[in-house]
Amino acid sequence: MRRLVNRPVAVEWLSRPRDRRFFPMRIYWDGAWHDVPELFLGFHHTYGERDALRHVWEVCTDGHWFRLVLDPRSLIWTLEIVADD
């Protein structure tokens, strides 16, 4: 079941300067940490321009699907949608 959440979440993320990539590695949601295997990073895109730019990831973890949005100015992650198996 998909649920619209739109709440800030804690995310541990990895930055790879060599290939200019960054992505979420772990998400704290619903009282537990959920690991994101690199194989299940899914779709990444951006929207907005300049001051309103946002990075969006759709990732799979252990039985959950998350749509995460990163605001690069504030470095705040927002969980927009979560789906359970």
N, C-alpha and C. Protein backbone atom coordinates (compact mmCIF):
# COMPACT_ATOMS: atom_id res chain seq x y z
N MET A 1 0.83 -1.17 0.00
CA MET A 1 0.00 0.00 0.00
C MET A 1 0.89 1.25 0.00
N ARG A 2 0.60 2.18 -0.90
CA ARG A 2 1.37 3.44 -0.97
C ARG A 2 0.75 4.47 -0.05
N ARG A 3 1.64 5.17 0.69
CA ARG A 3 1.18 6.23 1.59
C ARG A 3 1.95 7.51 1.30
N LEU A 4 1.24 8.61 1.23
CA LEU A 4 1.87 9.92 1.10
C LEU A 4 2.28 10.36 2.49
N VAL A 5 3.58 10.69 2.67
CA VAL A 5 4.11 10.98 3.99
C VAL A 5 4.53 12.45 4.12
N ASN A 6 5.40 12.92 3.25
CA ASN A 6 5.93 14.29 3.27
C ASN A 6 6.44 14.72 4.63
N ARG A 7 7.37 13.92 5.19
CA ARG A 7 7.99 14.26 6.47
C ARG A 7 9.51 14.16 6.36
N PRO A 8 10.23 15.00 7.11
CA PRO A 8 11.69 14.88 7.11
C PRO A 8 12.11 13.54 7.73
N VAL A 9 13.17 12.95 7.18
CA VAL A 9 13.69 11.68 7.69
C VAL A 9 15.20 11.77 7.79
N ALA A 10 15.76 10.90 8.62
CA ALA A 10 17.21 10.79 8.74
C ALA A 10 17.71 9.85 7.64
N VAL A 11 18.74 10.30 6.93
CA VAL A 11 19.32 9.51 5.85
C VAL A 11 20.83 9.56 5.97
N GLU A 12 21.47 8.39 5.92
CA GLU A 12 22.92 8.33 5.80
C GLU A 12 23.20 8.17 4.31
N TRP A 13 24.06 9.03 3.80
CA TRP A 13 24.32 8.98 2.36
C TRP A 13 25.80 8.99 2.09
N LEU A 14 26.14 8.52 0.90
CA LEU A 14 27.52 8.36 0.49
C LEU A 14 27.81 9.30 -0.67
N SER A 15 28.95 9.93 -0.62
CA SER A 15 29.39 10.81 -1.70
C SER A 15 30.64 10.22 -2.34
N ARG A 16 30.62 10.12 -3.66
CA ARG A 16 31.78 9.63 -4.40
C ARG A 16 32.29 10.75 -5.31
N PRO A 17 33.24 11.54 -4.84
CA PRO A 17 33.72 12.67 -5.63
C PRO A 17 34.38 12.25 -6.94
N ARG A 18 35.00 11.08 -6.95
CA ARG A 18 35.69 10.62 -8.15
C ARG A 18 34.75 10.54 -9.34
N ASP A 19 33.57 9.97 -9.15
CA ASP A 19 32.63 9.88 -10.26
C ASP A 19 31.44 10.84 -10.09
N ARG A 20 31.57 11.79 -9.15
CA ARG A 20 30.58 12.86 -8.95
C ARG A 20 29.18 12.32 -8.69
N ARG A 21 29.09 11.33 -7.80
CA ARG A 21 27.81 10.73 -7.45
C ARG A 21 27.59 10.82 -5.95
N PHE A 22 26.35 10.89 -5.55
CA PHE A 22 25.98 10.75 -4.16
C PHE A 22 24.61 10.08 -4.12
N PHE A 23 24.39 9.30 -3.07
CA PHE A 23 23.15 8.54 -3.00
C PHE A 23 22.90 8.08 -1.56
N PRO A 24 21.63 7.81 -1.24
CA PRO A 24 21.28 7.35 0.11
C PRO A 24 21.74 5.92 0.34
N MET A 25 22.23 5.65 1.56
CA MET A 25 22.67 4.30 1.92
C MET A 25 21.75 3.67 2.97
N ARG A 26 21.24 4.49 3.90
CA ARG A 26 20.35 4.01 4.97
C ARG A 26 19.29 5.06 5.24
N ILE A 27 18.08 4.61 5.56
CA ILE A 27 16.96 5.50 5.85
C ILE A 27 16.39 5.11 7.21
N TYR A 28 16.18 6.10 8.07
CA TYR A 28 15.53 5.83 9.36
C TYR A 28 14.06 6.17 9.23
N TRP A 29 13.24 5.13 9.25
CA TRP A 29 11.81 5.31 9.07
C TRP A 29 11.04 4.33 9.95
N ASP A 30 10.02 4.82 10.59
CA ASP A 30 9.12 3.98 11.39
C ASP A 30 9.87 3.24 12.50
N GLY A 31 10.84 3.93 13.11
CA GLY A 31 11.55 3.38 14.25
C GLY A 31 12.66 2.41 13.94
N ALA A 32 13.07 2.31 12.66
CA ALA A 32 14.13 1.36 12.29
C ALA A 32 14.96 1.90 11.13
N TRP A 33 16.20 1.45 11.07
CA TRP A 33 17.07 1.78 9.94
C TRP A 33 16.83 0.77 8.83
N HIS A 34 16.73 1.26 7.61
CA HIS A 34 16.53 0.41 6.43
C HIS A 34 17.73 0.62 5.50
N ASP A 35 18.49 -0.44 5.26
CA ASP A 35 19.64 -0.36 4.37
C ASP A 35 19.19 -0.35 2.91
N VAL A 36 19.86 0.47 2.11
CA VAL A 36 19.56 0.54 0.68
C VAL A 36 20.73 -0.06 -0.08
N PRO A 37 20.60 -1.30 -0.55
CA PRO A 37 21.68 -1.87 -1.35
C PRO A 37 21.88 -1.07 -2.63
N GLU A 38 23.13 -0.91 -3.04
CA GLU A 38 23.41 -0.10 -4.22
C GLU A 38 22.69 -0.64 -5.45
N LEU A 39 22.44 -1.91 -5.48
CA LEU A 39 21.73 -2.53 -6.59
C LEU A 39 20.28 -2.02 -6.69
N PHE A 40 19.70 -1.58 -5.55
CA PHE A 40 18.30 -1.17 -5.52
C PHE A 40 18.12 0.34 -5.40
N LEU A 41 19.11 1.10 -5.88
CA LEU A 41 19.00 2.56 -5.80
C LEU A 41 17.87 3.10 -6.67
N GLY A 42 17.58 2.43 -7.73
CA GLY A 42 16.44 2.83 -8.54
C GLY A 42 16.65 4.11 -9.32
N PHE A 43 15.60 4.87 -9.44
CA PHE A 43 15.54 6.03 -10.31
C PHE A 43 15.98 7.30 -9.57
N HIS A 44 16.86 8.08 -10.17
CA HIS A 44 17.28 9.38 -9.63
C HIS A 44 17.02 10.44 -10.68
N HIS A 45 16.41 11.54 -10.26
CA HIS A 45 16.21 12.68 -11.16
C HIS A 45 16.15 13.95 -10.34
N THR A 46 16.18 15.07 -11.02
CA THR A 46 16.06 16.37 -10.36
C THR A 46 14.88 17.11 -10.96
N TYR A 47 14.38 18.07 -10.18
CA TYR A 47 13.37 18.98 -10.71
C TYR A 47 13.58 20.35 -10.08
N GLY A 48 13.02 21.36 -10.69
CA GLY A 48 13.21 22.73 -10.22
C GLY A 48 14.44 23.34 -10.85
N GLU A 49 14.68 24.59 -10.52
CA GLU A 49 15.83 25.31 -11.04
C GLU A 49 16.47 26.14 -9.94
N ARG A 50 17.76 26.32 -10.04
CA ARG A 50 18.57 27.15 -9.16
C ARG A 50 18.21 26.97 -7.70
N ASP A 51 17.59 27.97 -7.07
CA ASP A 51 17.30 27.91 -5.63
C ASP A 51 16.26 26.87 -5.26
N ALA A 52 15.48 26.43 -6.22
CA ALA A 52 14.41 25.47 -5.93
C ALA A 52 14.74 24.05 -6.42
N LEU A 53 16.00 23.78 -6.75
CA LEU A 53 16.40 22.47 -7.25
C LEU A 53 16.22 21.40 -6.17
N ARG A 54 15.70 20.25 -6.55
CA ARG A 54 15.53 19.11 -5.66
C ARG A 54 16.05 17.85 -6.35
N HIS A 55 16.66 16.96 -5.56
CA HIS A 55 17.11 15.65 -6.05
C HIS A 55 16.15 14.61 -5.52
N VAL A 56 15.68 13.73 -6.40
CA VAL A 56 14.69 12.72 -6.04
C VAL A 56 15.27 11.33 -6.29
N TRP A 57 15.14 10.45 -5.31
CA TRP A 57 15.51 9.05 -5.44
C TRP A 57 14.31 8.19 -5.15
N GLU A 58 14.15 7.14 -5.93
CA GLU A 58 13.16 6.10 -5.64
C GLU A 58 13.95 4.83 -5.41
N VAL A 59 13.90 4.31 -4.17
CA VAL A 59 14.77 3.20 -3.77
C VAL A 59 13.95 2.08 -3.13
N CYS A 60 14.49 0.87 -3.19
CA CYS A 60 13.89 -0.30 -2.54
C CYS A 60 14.79 -0.74 -1.40
N THR A 61 14.17 -1.15 -0.31
CA THR A 61 14.90 -1.73 0.81
C THR A 61 14.24 -3.04 1.16
N ASP A 62 14.41 -3.46 2.38
CA ASP A 62 13.86 -4.74 2.86
C ASP A 62 12.33 -4.70 2.97
N GLY A 63 11.65 -4.83 1.85
CA GLY A 63 10.19 -4.86 1.88
C GLY A 63 9.52 -3.51 1.78
N HIS A 64 10.27 -2.45 1.54
CA HIS A 64 9.71 -1.11 1.41
C HIS A 64 10.21 -0.44 0.13
N TRP A 65 9.42 0.46 -0.37
CA TRP A 65 9.81 1.32 -1.48
C TRP A 65 9.66 2.74 -0.99
N PHE A 66 10.70 3.57 -1.19
CA PHE A 66 10.70 4.94 -0.71
C PHE A 66 10.93 5.93 -1.85
N ARG A 67 10.26 7.05 -1.78
CA ARG A 67 10.58 8.18 -2.66
C ARG A 67 11.14 9.27 -1.75
N LEU A 68 12.45 9.53 -1.89
CA LEU A 68 13.17 10.50 -1.06
C LEU A 68 13.50 11.73 -1.88
N VAL A 69 13.44 12.90 -1.23
CA VAL A 69 13.78 14.15 -1.89
C VAL A 69 14.80 14.88 -1.04
N LEU A 70 15.89 15.30 -1.67
CA LEU A 70 16.95 16.04 -0.99
C LEU A 70 16.92 17.50 -1.44
N ASP A 71 16.88 18.41 -0.47
CA ASP A 71 17.03 19.83 -0.74
C ASP A 71 18.52 20.15 -0.59
N PRO A 72 19.23 20.43 -1.69
CA PRO A 72 20.68 20.60 -1.59
C PRO A 72 21.11 21.86 -0.84
N ARG A 73 20.24 22.82 -0.70
CA ARG A 73 20.60 24.04 0.05
C ARG A 73 20.59 23.80 1.55
N SER A 74 19.60 23.09 2.05
CA SER A 74 19.49 22.84 3.49
C SER A 74 20.01 21.46 3.89
N LEU A 75 20.21 20.57 2.91
CA LEU A 75 20.60 19.18 3.13
C LEU A 75 19.58 18.42 3.97
N ILE A 76 18.32 18.77 3.83
CA ILE A 76 17.23 18.08 4.52
C ILE A 76 16.60 17.08 3.55
N TRP A 77 16.46 15.85 4.03
CA TRP A 77 15.82 14.79 3.27
C TRP A 77 14.36 14.72 3.67
N THR A 78 13.48 14.55 2.68
CA THR A 78 12.06 14.41 2.93
C THR A 78 11.59 13.09 2.33
N LEU A 79 10.84 12.34 3.12
CA LEU A 79 10.23 11.13 2.61
C LEU A 79 8.86 11.53 2.07
N GLU A 80 8.70 11.44 0.75
CA GLU A 80 7.42 11.83 0.15
C GLU A 80 6.42 10.70 0.15
N ILE A 81 6.86 9.51 -0.30
CA ILE A 81 5.96 8.37 -0.43
C ILE A 81 6.66 7.12 0.09
N VAL A 82 5.93 6.27 0.75
CA VAL A 82 6.44 4.95 1.16
C VAL A 82 5.40 3.91 0.76
N ALA A 83 5.89 2.75 0.33
CA ALA A 83 5.01 1.63 -0.02
C ALA A 83 5.54 0.38 0.65
N ASP A 84 4.63 -0.42 1.15
CA ASP A 84 4.98 -1.69 1.79
C ASP A 84 4.60 -2.83 0.86
N ASP A 85 5.25 -3.97 1.07
CA ASP A 85 4.89 -5.17 0.29
C ASP A 85 3.52 -5.65 0.63
